[in-house]
N, C-alpha and C. Protein backbone atom coordinates (compact mmCIF):
# COMPACT_ATOMS: atom_id res chain seq x y z
N UNK A 1 -10.31 7.15 24.65
CA UNK A 1 -9.54 5.71 25.86
C UNK A 1 -8.36 5.01 24.70
N UNK A 2 -7.39 4.56 25.31
CA UNK A 2 -6.97 4.10 25.36
C UNK A 2 -6.93 2.43 25.42
N UNK A 3 -6.38 2.08 24.28
CA UNK A 3 -7.45 0.34 24.92
C UNK A 3 -5.81 -0.69 24.78
N UNK A 4 -4.96 -1.07 25.60
CA UNK A 4 -3.72 -2.41 25.63
C UNK A 4 -3.47 -3.26 25.72
N UNK A 5 -3.09 -4.08 24.57
CA UNK A 5 -3.80 -5.77 25.39
C UNK A 5 -2.16 -5.97 24.64
N UNK A 6 -1.60 -6.63 25.95
CA UNK A 6 0.31 -6.98 26.02
C UNK A 6 0.10 -8.59 26.10
N UNK A 7 0.33 -9.25 25.31
CA UNK A 7 0.26 -10.99 24.93
C UNK A 7 1.13 -11.26 26.15
N UNK A 8 0.58 -12.93 26.22
CA UNK A 8 0.89 -13.61 27.78
C UNK A 8 2.39 -14.03 27.13
N UNK A 9 3.41 -14.17 27.48
CA UNK A 9 4.68 -14.83 27.68
C UNK A 9 5.23 -15.42 28.05
N UNK A 10 4.67 -17.02 28.16
CA UNK A 10 5.06 -17.69 29.60
C UNK A 10 7.10 -18.12 29.87
N UNK A 11 7.50 -18.40 28.17
CA UNK A 11 8.39 -18.11 29.17
C UNK A 11 9.99 -16.60 29.11
N UNK A 12 10.85 -17.01 30.43
CA UNK A 12 11.28 -15.68 30.20
C UNK A 12 12.68 -16.58 30.97
N UNK A 13 13.79 -15.65 30.94
CA UNK A 13 15.27 -16.50 30.87
C UNK A 13 15.69 -15.66 32.09
N UNK A 14 17.02 -16.32 33.00
CA UNK A 14 17.25 -15.24 34.12
C UNK A 14 17.96 -14.31 33.40
N UNK A 15 18.98 -14.72 31.87
CA UNK A 15 20.25 -13.92 32.12
C UNK A 15 19.24 -12.76 30.43
N UNK A 16 18.17 -12.73 30.53
CA UNK A 16 17.43 -11.42 29.91
C UNK A 16 17.13 -11.17 30.67
N UNK A 17 16.82 -11.35 32.17
CA UNK A 17 15.92 -10.28 33.50
C UNK A 17 17.48 -9.69 33.86
N UNK A 18 18.55 -9.83 34.10
CA UNK A 18 20.15 -9.02 34.59
C UNK A 18 20.22 -7.89 33.03
N UNK A 19 19.80 -8.79 32.40
CA UNK A 19 19.97 -7.71 30.76
C UNK A 19 19.61 -5.98 31.32
N UNK A 20 18.26 -6.69 31.71
CA UNK A 20 16.47 -6.06 31.68
C UNK A 20 16.91 -4.23 32.43
N UNK A 21 17.64 -5.17 33.93
CA UNK A 21 18.45 -4.24 34.92
C UNK A 21 19.23 -3.16 34.58
N UNK A 22 20.11 -3.34 33.27
CA UNK A 22 21.55 -2.62 33.10
C UNK A 22 20.72 -1.93 32.00
N UNK A 23 19.67 -2.76 31.20
CA UNK A 23 19.28 -2.12 30.14
C UNK A 23 18.01 -0.10 31.03
N UNK A 24 17.28 -1.01 32.20
CA UNK A 24 16.97 -0.31 32.54
C UNK A 24 17.76 1.60 33.24
N UNK A 25 18.61 0.86 33.75
CA UNK A 25 19.92 2.26 34.16
C UNK A 25 19.89 3.24 33.30
N UNK A 26 20.63 2.39 31.54
CA UNK A 26 20.00 3.84 30.20
C UNK A 26 19.14 3.98 29.55
N UNK A 27 18.57 3.62 29.91
CA UNK A 27 16.64 4.19 29.58
C UNK A 27 16.80 4.75 30.39
N UNK A 28 16.69 5.07 31.25
CA UNK A 28 16.59 6.21 32.43
C UNK A 28 16.91 7.80 32.38
N UNK A 29 18.15 7.38 31.70
CA UNK A 29 18.95 8.34 31.00
C UNK A 29 19.11 8.65 30.60
N UNK A 30 18.45 8.09 29.02
CA UNK A 30 17.71 8.74 27.63
C UNK A 30 16.98 9.61 28.11
N UNK A 31 15.56 8.51 28.70
CA UNK A 31 13.97 8.51 29.10
C UNK A 31 14.65 10.47 29.57
N UNK A 32 15.23 10.51 30.98
CA UNK A 32 15.04 11.63 31.44
C UNK A 32 15.07 12.82 30.83
N UNK A 33 16.61 13.00 30.06
CA UNK A 33 17.26 13.85 29.29
C UNK A 33 16.40 14.16 27.48
N UNK A 34 14.83 13.16 27.68
CA UNK A 34 14.28 13.30 26.11
C UNK A 34 13.06 13.95 26.70
N UNK A 35 12.97 13.78 28.23
CA UNK A 35 12.23 14.99 28.84
C UNK A 35 11.71 15.82 29.49
N UNK A 36 13.69 15.84 29.70
CA UNK A 36 13.45 17.27 30.02
C UNK A 36 13.30 18.00 29.01
N UNK A 37 13.35 17.34 27.13
CA UNK A 37 13.74 18.60 25.59
C UNK A 37 12.09 17.59 25.47
N UNK A 38 11.72 17.38 26.30
CA UNK A 38 9.90 17.28 25.68
C UNK A 38 9.20 17.61 26.19
N UNK A 39 9.25 18.55 27.61
CA UNK A 39 8.96 19.17 28.37
C UNK A 39 9.08 20.90 27.76
N UNK A 40 9.72 21.36 27.71
CA UNK A 40 10.31 22.28 26.54
C UNK A 40 8.75 22.43 25.44
N UNK A 41 8.99 21.39 24.54
CA UNK A 41 8.62 21.66 23.54
C UNK A 41 7.74 21.77 23.96
N UNK A 42 7.12 20.47 25.39
CA UNK A 42 5.23 21.12 25.10
C UNK A 42 5.36 22.09 26.26
N UNK A 43 5.44 23.21 26.15
CA UNK A 43 5.90 24.79 26.54
C UNK A 43 5.71 25.64 25.78
N UNK A 44 6.57 24.92 24.93
CA UNK A 44 6.48 26.47 23.48
C UNK A 44 4.77 25.59 22.52
N UNK A 45 5.18 24.51 22.46
CA UNK A 45 3.85 24.08 21.31
C UNK A 45 2.98 24.52 22.78
N UNK A 46 2.51 25.60 23.28
CA UNK A 46 1.16 25.35 24.05
C UNK A 46 1.19 27.37 23.53
N UNK A 47 2.71 27.89 24.31
CA UNK A 47 3.21 29.20 23.55
C UNK A 47 2.08 29.09 22.13
N UNK A 48 2.81 28.22 21.18
CA UNK A 48 1.88 28.22 19.97
C UNK A 48 1.13 28.73 19.61
N UNK A 49 -0.11 26.97 20.33
CA UNK A 49 -1.18 27.22 20.35
C UNK A 49 -1.93 28.52 21.09
N UNK A 50 -1.63 29.38 22.20
CA UNK A 50 -2.18 30.31 22.62
C UNK A 50 -1.87 31.90 21.58
N UNK A 51 -0.97 31.95 20.53
CA UNK A 51 -0.85 32.46 20.03
C UNK A 51 -1.15 32.71 18.74
N UNK A 52 -1.40 31.38 17.84
CA UNK A 52 -1.99 31.04 16.74
C UNK A 52 -2.85 30.51 16.81
N UNK A 53 -3.37 29.99 17.75
CA UNK A 53 -4.13 29.02 18.28
C UNK A 53 -5.11 27.72 16.97
N UNK A 54 -3.10 27.04 16.24
CA UNK A 54 -2.82 26.28 16.04
C UNK A 54 -1.74 25.53 16.57
N UNK A 55 -1.50 24.02 16.34
CA UNK A 55 -0.53 22.98 16.63
C UNK A 55 0.69 22.97 15.61
N UNK A 56 1.65 22.92 15.82
CA UNK A 56 2.95 22.77 15.01
C UNK A 56 3.25 21.39 14.76
N UNK A 57 3.51 21.19 13.67
CA UNK A 57 3.31 19.72 13.53
C UNK A 57 4.76 19.09 14.01
N UNK A 58 5.73 19.99 13.45
CA UNK A 58 6.98 19.35 14.14
C UNK A 58 6.96 19.31 15.28
N UNK A 59 6.80 19.81 16.44
CA UNK A 59 6.67 20.50 17.51
C UNK A 59 5.90 18.77 17.84
N UNK A 60 4.94 18.58 17.23
CA UNK A 60 3.92 17.82 17.56
C UNK A 60 4.46 15.83 17.34
N UNK A 61 5.12 16.15 16.31
CA UNK A 61 5.61 15.26 16.45
C UNK A 61 6.44 14.48 16.74
N UNK A 62 7.00 15.11 17.62
CA UNK A 62 8.43 15.05 18.15
C UNK A 62 7.86 14.21 19.75
N UNK A 63 7.00 15.73 20.30
CA UNK A 63 6.01 15.44 21.55
C UNK A 63 5.57 14.06 21.07
N UNK A 64 5.69 12.99 20.06
CA UNK A 64 4.56 12.24 20.24
C UNK A 64 5.54 10.78 19.79
N UNK A 65 6.47 11.27 19.54
CA UNK A 65 7.54 10.16 19.12
C UNK A 65 8.58 9.95 20.72
N UNK A 66 8.54 10.85 21.63
CA UNK A 66 8.58 11.10 23.05
C UNK A 66 7.85 10.21 23.81
N UNK A 67 6.19 10.79 23.98
CA UNK A 67 5.79 9.98 23.97
C UNK A 67 5.20 8.00 24.22
N UNK A 68 5.33 7.82 22.92
CA UNK A 68 5.73 6.05 22.68
C UNK A 68 6.55 5.82 23.11
N UNK A 69 7.35 6.44 23.25
CA UNK A 69 9.15 5.79 23.46
C UNK A 69 8.68 5.15 24.96
N UNK A 70 8.08 6.62 25.62
CA UNK A 70 8.40 6.22 27.11
C UNK A 70 7.05 5.09 27.28
N UNK A 71 5.62 5.06 27.13
CA UNK A 71 5.42 4.08 27.14
C UNK A 71 6.22 2.58 26.56
N UNK A 72 6.27 2.23 25.44
CA UNK A 72 7.48 1.29 25.03
C UNK A 72 7.94 1.15 25.83
N UNK A 73 8.98 1.89 27.15
CA UNK A 73 9.84 1.37 27.51
C UNK A 73 9.40 1.18 28.80
N UNK A 74 7.74 1.24 28.84
CA UNK A 74 7.74 1.36 30.44
C UNK A 74 6.93 -0.34 30.46
N UNK A 75 6.58 -0.46 29.45
CA UNK A 75 5.99 -1.89 28.72
C UNK A 75 7.85 -2.58 29.37
N UNK A 76 7.72 -2.48 28.50
CA UNK A 76 9.49 -3.11 29.17
C UNK A 76 9.86 -3.60 30.36
N UNK A 77 9.42 -2.32 30.59
CA UNK A 77 10.73 -2.25 32.45
C UNK A 77 9.78 -2.97 32.98
N UNK A 78 8.08 -3.17 32.92
CA UNK A 78 7.64 -3.37 33.95
C UNK A 78 7.19 -5.02 34.17
N UNK A 79 8.12 -5.54 33.18
CA UNK A 79 8.54 -7.14 32.02
C UNK A 79 7.03 -7.63 31.48
N UNK A 80 5.94 -6.96 31.19
CA UNK A 80 4.90 -6.88 30.54
C UNK A 80 5.08 -7.50 28.21
N UNK A 81 6.58 -7.42 28.67
CA UNK A 81 6.85 -7.42 27.69
C UNK A 81 8.49 -7.69 26.99
N UNK A 82 8.56 -8.07 26.30
CA UNK A 82 9.74 -8.87 25.60
C UNK A 82 10.82 -7.85 24.91
N UNK A 83 9.50 -7.58 24.14
CA UNK A 83 10.23 -6.11 22.98
C UNK A 83 10.42 -5.16 23.74
N UNK A 84 11.43 -4.69 23.05
CA UNK A 84 12.76 -3.82 23.41
C UNK A 84 12.41 -2.34 22.55
N UNK A 85 12.40 -0.82 23.55
CA UNK A 85 11.73 0.03 23.20
C UNK A 85 12.84 0.11 21.69
N UNK A 86 14.21 0.07 21.99
CA UNK A 86 15.28 0.51 21.27
C UNK A 86 15.59 -0.33 20.37
C-alpha cells in the first residue's frame, strides 16, 4: 500500500500557474520519451526475470527513477504541490 500525504499550501500566484502551463508541455515531452524507453526496459526486465529468475539491478534502478519522476510530475501538474520535479 502507498500512503501519499501532501501539505496544503494556501498561497499561490498567477505567474506560477502560467509557468506551470508552459512547464507541463516540457514535462509531457520528457515523460513521453522516457516512458517509451522505460517500457522497453520493463520488457527487457521481464525477459531477464523469465530467463534467470532474478531482477537486474541496473534495469530496476532506471525503471524506478522513471516512476518516481512520473509521480512527482503528476503531483506538480495536478496542483497538489508547488515543488517542481526537475
